[in-house]
Every structure is written in structure tokens, then in C-alpha cells.
PDB file of N, CA and C in Angstrom:
ATOM      1  N   MET A   1       0.869  -1.179   0.000  1.00  0.00           N
ATOM      2  CA  MET A   1       0.000   0.000   0.000  1.00  0.00           C
ATOM      3  C   MET A   1       0.907   1.230   0.000  1.00  0.00           C
ATOM      4  N   ARG A   2       0.510   2.241  -0.727  1.00  0.00           N
ATOM      5  CA  ARG A   2       1.354   3.422  -0.876  1.00  0.00           C
ATOM      6  C   ARG A   2       1.341   4.336   0.342  1.00  0.00           C
ATOM      7  N   ASP A   3       0.326   4.233   1.192  1.00  0.00           N
ATOM      8  CA  ASP A   3       0.189   5.132   2.331  1.00  0.00           C
ATOM      9  C   ASP A   3       0.338   4.333   3.630  1.00  0.00           C
ATOM     10  N   LYS A   4       1.433   4.563   4.346  1.00  0.00           N
ATOM     11  CA  LYS A   4       1.707   3.825   5.579  1.00  0.00           C
ATOM     12  C   LYS A   4       0.632   4.051   6.640  1.00  0.00           C
ATOM     13  N   ILE A   5       0.105   5.247   6.701  1.00  0.00           N
ATOM     14  CA  ILE A   5      -0.914   5.549   7.708  1.00  0.00           C
ATOM     15  C   ILE A   5      -2.178   4.743   7.438  1.00  0.00           C
ATOM     16  N   ILE A   6      -2.602   4.715   6.185  1.00  0.00           N
ATOM     17  CA  ILE A   6      -3.793   3.929   5.832  1.00  0.00           C
ATOM     18  C   ILE A   6      -3.555   2.460   6.138  1.00  0.00           C
ATOM     19  N   GLN A   7      -2.348   1.969   5.844  1.00  0.00           N
ATOM     20  CA  GLN A   7      -2.036   0.569   6.123  1.00  0.00           C
ATOM     21  C   GLN A   7      -2.116   0.280   7.620  1.00  0.00           C
ATOM     22  N   GLN A   8      -1.643   1.214   8.440  1.00  0.00           N
ATOM     23  CA  GLN A   8      -1.736   1.026   9.888  1.00  0.00           C
ATOM     24  C   GLN A   8      -3.193   0.953  10.341  1.00  0.00           C
ATOM     25  N   VAL A   9      -4.031   1.795   9.764  1.00  0.00           N
ATOM     26  CA  VAL A   9      -5.455   1.777  10.119  1.00  0.00           C
ATOM     27  C   VAL A   9      -6.084   0.450   9.689  1.00  0.00           C
ATOM     28  N   VAL A  10      -5.769   0.002   8.487  1.00  0.00           N
ATOM     29  CA  VAL A  10      -6.301  -1.278   7.989  1.00  0.00           C
ATOM     30  C   VAL A  10      -5.851  -2.412   8.907  1.00  0.00           C
ATOM     31  N   ASP A  11      -4.575  -2.391   9.296  1.00  0.00           N
ATOM     32  CA  ASP A  11      -4.061  -3.428  10.202  1.00  0.00           C
ATOM     33  C   ASP A  11      -4.794  -3.413  11.536  1.00  0.00           C
ATOM     34  N   LYS A  12      -5.068  -2.224  12.044  1.00  0.00           N
ATOM     35  CA  LYS A  12      -5.791  -2.125  13.314  1.00  0.00           C
ATOM     36  C   LYS A  12      -7.217  -2.642  13.189  1.00  0.00           C
ATOM     37  N   PHE A  13      -7.869  -2.385  12.048  1.00  0.00           N
ATOM     38  CA  PHE A  13      -9.204  -2.941  11.829  1.00  0.00           C
ATOM     39  C   PHE A  13      -9.153  -4.467  11.825  1.00  0.00           C
ATOM     40  N   GLN A  14      -8.128  -5.023  11.178  1.00  0.00           N
ATOM     41  CA  GLN A  14      -7.982  -6.481  11.125  1.00  0.00           C
ATOM     42  C   GLN A  14      -7.764  -7.044  12.529  1.00  0.00           C
ATOM     43  N   GLN A  15      -6.894  -6.395  13.297  1.00  0.00           N
ATOM     44  CA  GLN A  15      -6.641  -6.846  14.667  1.00  0.00           C
ATOM     45  C   GLN A  15      -7.907  -6.759  15.513  1.00  0.00           C
ATOM     46  N   ARG A  16      -8.645  -5.677  15.344  1.00  0.00           N
ATOM     47  CA  ARG A  16      -9.891  -5.496  16.098  1.00  0.00           C
ATOM     48  C   ARG A  16     -10.905  -6.572  15.726  1.00  0.00           C
ATOM     49  N   SER A  17     -10.953  -6.910  14.458  1.00  0.00           N
ATOM     50  CA  SER A  17     -11.846  -7.970  13.998  1.00  0.00           C
ATOM     51  C   SER A  17     -11.452  -9.308  14.623  1.00  0.00           C
ATOM     52  N   ASP A  18     -10.163  -9.558  14.706  1.00  0.00           N
ATOM     53  CA  ASP A  18      -9.688 -10.804  15.321  1.00  0.00           C
ATOM     54  C   ASP A  18     -10.071 -10.875  16.794  1.00  0.00           C
ATOM     55  N   VAL A  19      -9.941  -9.750  17.501  1.00  0.00           N
ATOM     56  CA  VAL A  19     -10.321  -9.704  18.912  1.00  0.00           C
ATOM     57  C   VAL A  19     -11.816  -9.990  19.059  1.00  0.00           C
ATOM     58  N   GLY A  20     -12.627  -9.356  18.214  1.00  0.00           N
ATOM     59  CA  GLY A  20     -14.075  -9.574  18.265  1.00  0.00           C
ATOM     60  C   GLY A  20     -14.448 -11.006  17.963  1.00  0.00           C
ATOM     61  N   TYR A  21     -13.765 -11.609  17.015  1.00  0.00           N
ATOM     62  CA  TYR A  21     -14.067 -13.004  16.674  1.00  0.00           C
ATOM     63  C   TYR A  21     -13.724 -13.922  17.841  1.00  0.00           C
ATOM     64  N   LYS A  22     -12.571 -13.671  18.475  1.00  0.00           N
ATOM     65  CA  LYS A  22     -12.191 -14.486  19.635  1.00  0.00           C
ATOM     66  C   LYS A  22     -13.194 -14.319  20.769  1.00  0.00           C
ATOM     67  N   LYS A  23     -13.668 -13.108  20.956  1.00  0.00           N
ATOM     68  CA  LYS A  23     -14.589 -12.828  22.064  1.00  0.00           C
ATOM     69  C   LYS A  23     -15.981 -13.395  21.812  1.00  0.00           C
ATOM     70  N   TYR A  24     -16.493 -13.213  20.577  1.00  0.00           N
ATOM     71  CA  TYR A  24     -17.884 -13.571  20.292  1.00  0.00           C
ATOM     72  C   TYR A  24     -18.035 -14.838  19.457  1.00  0.00           C
ATOM     73  N   GLY A  25     -16.938 -15.305  18.839  1.00  0.00           N
ATOM     74  CA  GLY A  25     -16.993 -16.543  18.072  1.00  0.00           C
ATOM     75  C   GLY A  25     -17.741 -16.429  16.761  1.00  0.00           C
ATOM     76  N   VAL A  26     -17.922 -15.210  16.274  1.00  0.00           N
ATOM     77  CA  VAL A  26     -18.649 -15.002  15.021  1.00  0.00           C
ATOM     78  C   VAL A  26     -18.121 -13.716  14.385  1.00  0.00           C
ATOM     79  N   THR A  27     -18.129 -13.685  13.058  1.00  0.00           N
ATOM     80  CA  THR A  27     -17.735 -12.451  12.381  1.00  0.00           C
ATOM     81  C   THR A  27     -18.876 -11.446  12.454  1.00  0.00           C
ATOM     82  N   LEU A  28     -18.557 -10.215  12.266  1.00  0.00           N
ATOM     83  CA  LEU A  28     -19.584  -9.177  12.249  1.00  0.00           C
ATOM     84  C   LEU A  28     -20.578  -9.445  11.119  1.00  0.00           C
ATOM     85  N   HIS A  29     -20.069  -9.892  10.005  1.00  0.00           N
ATOM     86  CA  HIS A  29     -20.922 -10.191   8.851  1.00  0.00           C
ATOM     87  C   HIS A  29     -21.932 -11.290   9.166  1.00  0.00           C
ATOM     88  N   ASP A  30     -21.491 -12.317   9.888  1.00  0.00           N
ATOM     89  CA  ASP A  30     -22.353 -13.471  10.165  1.00  0.00           C
ATOM     90  C   ASP A  30     -23.182 -13.345  11.432  1.00  0.00           C
ATOM     91  N   ASP A  31     -22.964 -12.280  12.209  1.00  0.00           N
ATOM     92  CA  ASP A  31     -23.722 -12.098  13.445  1.00  0.00           C
ATOM     93  C   ASP A  31     -25.181 -11.832  13.108  1.00  0.00           C
ATOM     94  N   GLU A  32     -26.053 -12.397  13.910  1.00  0.00           N
ATOM     95  CA  GLU A  32     -27.494 -12.222  13.694  1.00  0.00           C
ATOM     96  C   GLU A  32     -27.886 -10.767  13.904  1.00  0.00           C
ATOM     97  N   PRO A  33     -28.618 -10.198  12.963  1.00  0.00           N
ATOM     98  CA  PRO A  33     -29.035  -8.809  13.142  1.00  0.00           C
ATOM     99  C   PRO A  33     -30.043  -8.666  14.277  1.00  0.00           C
ATOM    100  N   ASN A  34     -29.771  -7.751  15.153  1.00  0.00           N
ATOM    101  CA  ASN A  34     -30.659  -7.455  16.258  1.00  0.00           C
ATOM    102  C   ASN A  34     -30.473  -5.967  16.549  1.00  0.00           C
ATOM    103  N   MET A  35     -31.415  -5.177  16.121  1.00  0.00           N
ATOM    104  CA  MET A  35     -31.295  -3.723  16.207  1.00  0.00           C
ATOM    105  C   MET A  35     -30.979  -3.266  17.621  1.00  0.00           C
ATOM    106  N   HIS A  36     -31.673  -3.804  18.610  1.00  0.00           N
ATOM    107  CA  HIS A  36     -31.455  -3.382  19.992  1.00  0.00           C
ATOM    108  C   HIS A  36     -30.028  -3.707  20.432  1.00  0.00           C
ATOM    109  N   LYS A  37     -29.539  -4.875  20.080  1.00  0.00           N
ATOM    110  CA  LYS A  37     -28.188  -5.277  20.462  1.00  0.00           C
ATOM    111  C   LYS A  37     -27.156  -4.339  19.859  1.00  0.00           C
ATOM    112  N   TRP A  38     -27.317  -4.004  18.567  1.00  0.00           N
ATOM    113  CA  TRP A  38     -26.347  -3.147  17.898  1.00  0.00           C
ATOM    114  C   TRP A  38     -26.388  -1.721  18.435  1.00  0.00           C
ATOM    115  N   ILE A  39     -27.567  -1.235  18.747  1.00  0.00           N
ATOM    116  CA  ILE A  39     -27.684   0.101  19.343  1.00  0.00           C
ATOM    117  C   ILE A  39     -27.013   0.113  20.711  1.00  0.00           C
ATOM    118  N   ASN A  40     -27.225  -0.938  21.487  1.00  0.00           N
ATOM    119  CA  ASN A  40     -26.614  -1.032  22.811  1.00  0.00           C
ATOM    120  C   ASN A  40     -25.084  -1.078  22.708  1.00  0.00           C
ATOM    121  N   HIS A  41     -24.570  -1.897  21.782  1.00  0.00           N
ATOM    122  CA  HIS A  41     -23.118  -1.961  21.570  1.00  0.00           C
ATOM    123  C   HIS A  41     -22.557  -0.587  21.203  1.00  0.00           C
ATOM    124  N   LEU A  42     -23.219   0.083  20.285  1.00  0.00           N
ATOM    125  CA  LEU A  42     -22.758   1.397  19.852  1.00  0.00           C
ATOM    126  C   LEU A  42     -22.774   2.385  21.013  1.00  0.00           C
ATOM    127  N   GLN A  43     -23.840   2.366  21.796  1.00  0.00           N
ATOM    128  CA  GLN A  43     -23.940   3.261  22.942  1.00  0.00           C
ATOM    129  C   GLN A  43     -22.788   3.011  23.912  1.00  0.00           C
ATOM    130  N   GLU A  44     -22.497   1.748  24.202  1.00  0.00           N
ATOM    131  CA  GLU A  44     -21.405   1.416  25.115  1.00  0.00           C
ATOM    132  C   GLU A  44     -20.065   1.894  24.568  1.00  0.00           C
ATOM    133  N   GLU A  45     -19.825   1.691  23.274  1.00  0.00           N
ATOM    134  CA  GLU A  45     -18.573   2.126  22.660  1.00  0.00           C
ATOM    135  C   GLU A  45     -18.427   3.646  22.704  1.00  0.00           C
ATOM    136  N   LEU A  46     -19.517   4.359  22.442  1.00  0.00           N
ATOM    137  CA  LEU A  46     -19.471   5.818  22.475  1.00  0.00           C
ATOM    138  C   LEU A  46     -19.264   6.337  23.896  1.00  0.00           C
ATOM    139  N   MET A  47     -19.865   5.659  24.866  1.00  0.00           N
ATOM    140  CA  MET A  47     -19.650   6.044  26.254  1.00  0.00           C
ATOM    141  C   MET A  47     -18.183   5.848  26.632  1.00  0.00           C
ATOM    142  N   ASP A  48     -17.598   4.731  26.216  1.00  0.00           N
ATOM    143  CA  ASP A  48     -16.177   4.501  26.463  1.00  0.00           C
ATOM    144  C   ASP A  48     -15.340   5.595  25.815  1.00  0.00           C
ATOM    145  N   ALA A  49     -15.684   5.960  24.585  1.00  0.00           N
ATOM    146  CA  ALA A  49     -14.932   7.002  23.874  1.00  0.00           C
ATOM    147  C   ALA A  49     -14.986   8.326  24.628  1.00  0.00           C
ATOM    148  N   VAL A  50     -16.139   8.683  25.161  1.00  0.00           N
ATOM    149  CA  VAL A  50     -16.263   9.922  25.927  1.00  0.00           C
ATOM    150  C   VAL A  50     -15.391   9.850  27.187  1.00  0.00           C
ATOM    151  N   ASN A  51     -15.362   8.690  27.830  1.00  0.00           N
ATOM    152  CA  ASN A  51     -14.504   8.526  29.009  1.00  0.00           C
ATOM    153  C   ASN A  51     -13.033   8.696  28.643  1.00  0.00           C
ATOM    154  N   TYR A  52     -12.625   8.131  27.517  1.00  0.00           N
ATOM    155  CA  TYR A  52     -11.229   8.259  27.077  1.00  0.00           C
ATOM    156  C   TYR A  52     -10.904   9.726  26.779  1.00  0.00           C
ATOM    157  N   LEU A  53     -11.834  10.424  26.149  1.00  0.00           N
ATOM    158  CA  LEU A  53     -11.621  11.844  25.870  1.00  0.00           C
ATOM    159  C   LEU A  53     -11.466  12.649  27.159  1.00  0.00           C
ATOM    160  N   GLU A  54     -12.287  12.355  28.134  1.00  0.00           N
ATOM    161  CA  GLU A  54     -12.210  13.068  29.410  1.00  0.00           C
ATOM    162  C   GLU A  54     -10.865  12.820  30.077  1.00  0.00           C
ATOM    163  N   LYS A  55     -10.405  11.574  30.058  1.00  0.00           N
ATOM    164  CA  LYS A  55      -9.111  11.240  30.636  1.00  0.00           C
ATOM    165  C   LYS A  55      -7.993  11.997  29.913  1.00  0.00           C
ATOM    166  N   LEU A  56      -8.033  12.041  28.589  1.00  0.00           N
ATOM    167  CA  LEU A  56      -7.030  12.770  27.819  1.00  0.00           C
ATOM    168  C   LEU A  56      -7.051  14.257  28.142  1.00  0.00           C
ATOM    169  N   LYS A  57      -8.242  14.825  28.247  1.00  0.00           N
ATOM    170  CA  LYS A  57      -8.363  16.244  28.594  1.00  0.00           C
ATOM    171  C   LYS A  57      -7.742  16.521  29.952  1.00  0.00           C
ATOM    172  N   MET A  58      -8.035  15.673  30.920  1.00  0.00           N
ATOM    173  CA  MET A  58      -7.481  15.851  32.260  1.00  0.00           C
ATOM    174  C   MET A  58      -5.963  15.753  32.232  1.00  0.00           C
ATOM    175  N   SER A  59      -5.447  14.763  31.543  1.00  0.00           N
ATOM    176  CA  SER A  59      -3.995  14.569  31.472  1.00  0.00           C
ATOM    177  C   SER A  59      -3.322  15.744  30.791  1.00  0.00           C
ATOM    178  N   MET A  60      -3.896  16.202  29.699  1.00  0.00           N
ATOM    179  CA  MET A  60      -3.317  17.327  28.975  1.00  0.00           C
ATOM    180  C   MET A  60      -3.387  18.608  29.801  1.00  0.00           C
ATOM    181  N   THR A  61      -4.476  18.817  30.502  1.00  0.00           N
ATOM    182  CA  THR A  61      -4.619  20.003  31.348  1.00  0.00           C
ATOM    183  C   THR A  61      -3.575  19.974  32.464  1.00  0.00           C
ATOM    184  N   GLU A  62      -3.410  18.821  33.102  1.00  0.00           N
ATOM    185  CA  GLU A  62      -2.414  18.704  34.166  1.00  0.00           C
ATOM    186  C   GLU A  62      -1.006  18.951  33.621  1.00  0.00           C
ATOM    187  N   ALA A  63      -0.705  18.381  32.463  1.00  0.00           N
ATOM    188  CA  ALA A  63       0.616  18.567  31.862  1.00  0.00           C
ATOM    189  C   ALA A  63       0.849  20.036  31.516  1.00  0.00           C
ATOM    190  N   LEU A  64      -0.176  20.688  30.978  1.00  0.00           N
ATOM    191  CA  LEU A  64      -0.060  22.102  30.639  1.00  0.00           C
ATOM    192  C   LEU A  64       0.128  22.953  31.893  1.00  0.00           C
ATOM    193  N   GLN A  65      -0.628  22.658  32.932  1.00  0.00           N
ATOM    194  CA  GLN A  65      -0.477  23.399  34.183  1.00  0.00           C
ATOM    195  C   GLN A  65       0.932  23.212  34.751  1.00  0.00           C
ATOM    196  N   ASP A  66       1.427  21.981  34.712  1.00  0.00           N
ATOM    197  CA  ASP A  66       2.782  21.713  35.193  1.00  0.00           C
ATOM    198  C   ASP A  66       3.817  22.497  34.391  1.00  0.00           C
ATOM    199  N   LYS A  67       3.647  22.536  33.086  1.00  0.00           N
ATOM    200  CA  LYS A  67       4.577  23.256  32.208  1.00  0.00           C
ATOM    201  C   LYS A  67       4.537  24.758  32.494  1.00  0.00           C
ATOM    202  N   ILE A  68       3.354  25.300  32.654  1.00  0.00           N
ATOM    203  CA  ILE A  68       3.221  26.728  32.956  1.00  0.00           C
ATOM    204  C   ILE A  68       3.901  27.037  34.293  1.00  0.00           C
ATOM    205  N   TYR A  69       3.679  26.192  35.282  1.00  0.00           N
ATOM    206  CA  TYR A  69       4.283  26.403  36.597  1.00  0.00           C
ATOM    207  C   TYR A  69       5.810  26.304  36.508  1.00  0.00           C
ATOM    208  N   GLN A  70       6.299  25.315  35.771  1.00  0.00           N
ATOM    209  CA  GLN A  70       7.743  25.141  35.589  1.00  0.00           C
ATOM    210  C   GLN A  70       8.346  26.366  34.894  1.00  0.00           C
ATOM    211  N   ASP A  71       7.709  26.828  33.832  1.00  0.00           N
ATOM    212  CA  ASP A  71       8.192  28.017  33.123  1.00  0.00           C
ATOM    213  C   ASP A  71       8.197  29.238  34.038  1.00  0.00           C
ATOM    214  N   TYR A  72       7.167  29.371  34.849  1.00  0.00           N
ATOM    215  CA  TYR A  72       7.076  30.492  35.785  1.00  0.00           C
ATOM    216  C   TYR A  72       8.226  30.443  36.778  1.00  0.00           C
ATOM    217  N   LYS A  73       8.484  29.257  37.346  1.00  0.00           N
ATOM    218  CA  LYS A  73       9.560  29.116  38.320  1.00  0.00           C
ATOM    219  C   LYS A  73      10.920  29.401  37.683  1.00  0.00           C
ATOM    220  N   GLU A  74      11.123  28.956  36.452  1.00  0.00           N
ATOM    221  CA  GLU A  74      12.381  29.224  35.752  1.00  0.00           C
ATOM    222  C   GLU A  74      12.551  30.718  35.492  1.00  0.00           C
ATOM    223  N   GLU A  75      11.483  31.369  35.074  1.00  0.00           N
ATOM    224  CA  GLU A  75      11.536  32.814  34.822  1.00  0.00           C
ATOM    225  C   GLU A  75      11.779  33.577  36.125  1.00  0.00           C
ATOM    226  N   GLU A  76      11.150  33.132  37.183  1.00  0.00           N
ATOM    227  CA  GLU A  76      11.345  33.749  38.485  1.00  0.00           C
ATOM    228  C   GLU A  76      12.799  33.600  38.943  1.00  0.00           C
ATOM    229  N   ALA A  77      13.375  32.440  38.735  1.00  0.00           N
ATOM    230  CA  ALA A  77      14.778  32.212  39.111  1.00  0.00           C
ATOM    231  C   ALA A  77      15.717  33.088  38.282  1.00  0.00           C
ATOM    232  N   LYS A  78      15.424  33.246  37.013  1.00  0.00           N
ATOM    233  CA  LYS A  78      16.234  34.131  36.150  1.00  0.00           C
ATOM    234  C   LYS A  78      16.164  35.568  36.642  1.00  0.00           C
ATOM    235  N   GLN A  79      14.960  35.997  36.986  1.00  0.00           N
ATOM    236  CA  GLN A  79      14.777  37.367  37.481  1.00  0.00           C
ATOM    237  C   GLN A  79      15.576  37.582  38.770  1.00  0.00           C
ATOM    238  N   GLN A  80      15.538  36.609  39.664  1.00  0.00           N
ATOM    239  CA  GLN A  80      16.266  36.724  40.926  1.00  0.00           C
ATOM    240  C   GLN A  80      17.775  36.755  40.692  1.00  0.00           C
ATOM    241  N   SER A  81      18.266  35.961  39.743  1.00  0.00           N
ATOM    242  CA  SER A  81      19.707  35.944  39.474  1.00  0.00           C
ATOM    243  C   SER A  81      20.130  37.241  38.777  1.00  0.00           C
ATOM    244  N   ASN A  82      19.269  37.830  38.004  1.00  0.00           N
ATOM    245  CA  ASN A  82      19.577  39.122  37.353  1.00  0.00           C
ATOM    246  C   ASN A  82      19.568  40.263  38.363  1.00  0.00           C
ATOM    247  N   ASP A  83      18.748  40.139  39.384  1.00  0.00           N
ATOM    248  CA  ASP A  83      18.649  41.177  40.406  1.00  0.00           C
ATOM    249  C   ASP A  83      19.863  41.187  41.329  1.00  0.00           C
ATOM    250  N   THR A  84      20.578  40.094  41.401  1.00  0.00           N
ATOM    251  CA  THR A  84      21.720  40.037  42.324  1.00  0.00           C
ATOM    252  C   THR A  84      23.041  40.339  41.649  1.00  0.00           C
TER     253      THR A  84
END
């Protein structure tokens, strides 16, 4: 494949399919259609995605706050050394 990124995504889809087959013993194609089941699965996946987003936001906010504090302390130390 000419695009490495697309190939990585395709590989991840294949791996995800393998995990699902091991877990449920059936391919997505061969699974019995049940609207309620599929809606429930989708809802659970979307809820997980929102949780992952919240965790990422928290981590990024903490990292940014730490960086701002570190920069402030470094600038403060420079100011003190210039004053002496």
C-alpha cells in the first residue's frame, strides 16, 4: 500500500476484527441482526470514547499546568539571578 498511515489503520481494523471473533466466536458479517443489540453496543462504545476523551483532557490540562508552573519558576529564578 502506498500510504503507511492507511495501512496502519487497515491493520488495526484487522486486529480489532480478530479480537471480536475471539470474544464472540462469530464475524460481524455473520452475526445475527438485532437492532437493539447493535444500538446497545454502539452506545457502550461511544460512552467509552467519551470517558477516554475526558481522561485525555485531564492529562493534557495537568501537563499544561505543570509546564506553565515550571516556566514560571524558571523565569522567576532568572529574574532573581539578574537582580543580584
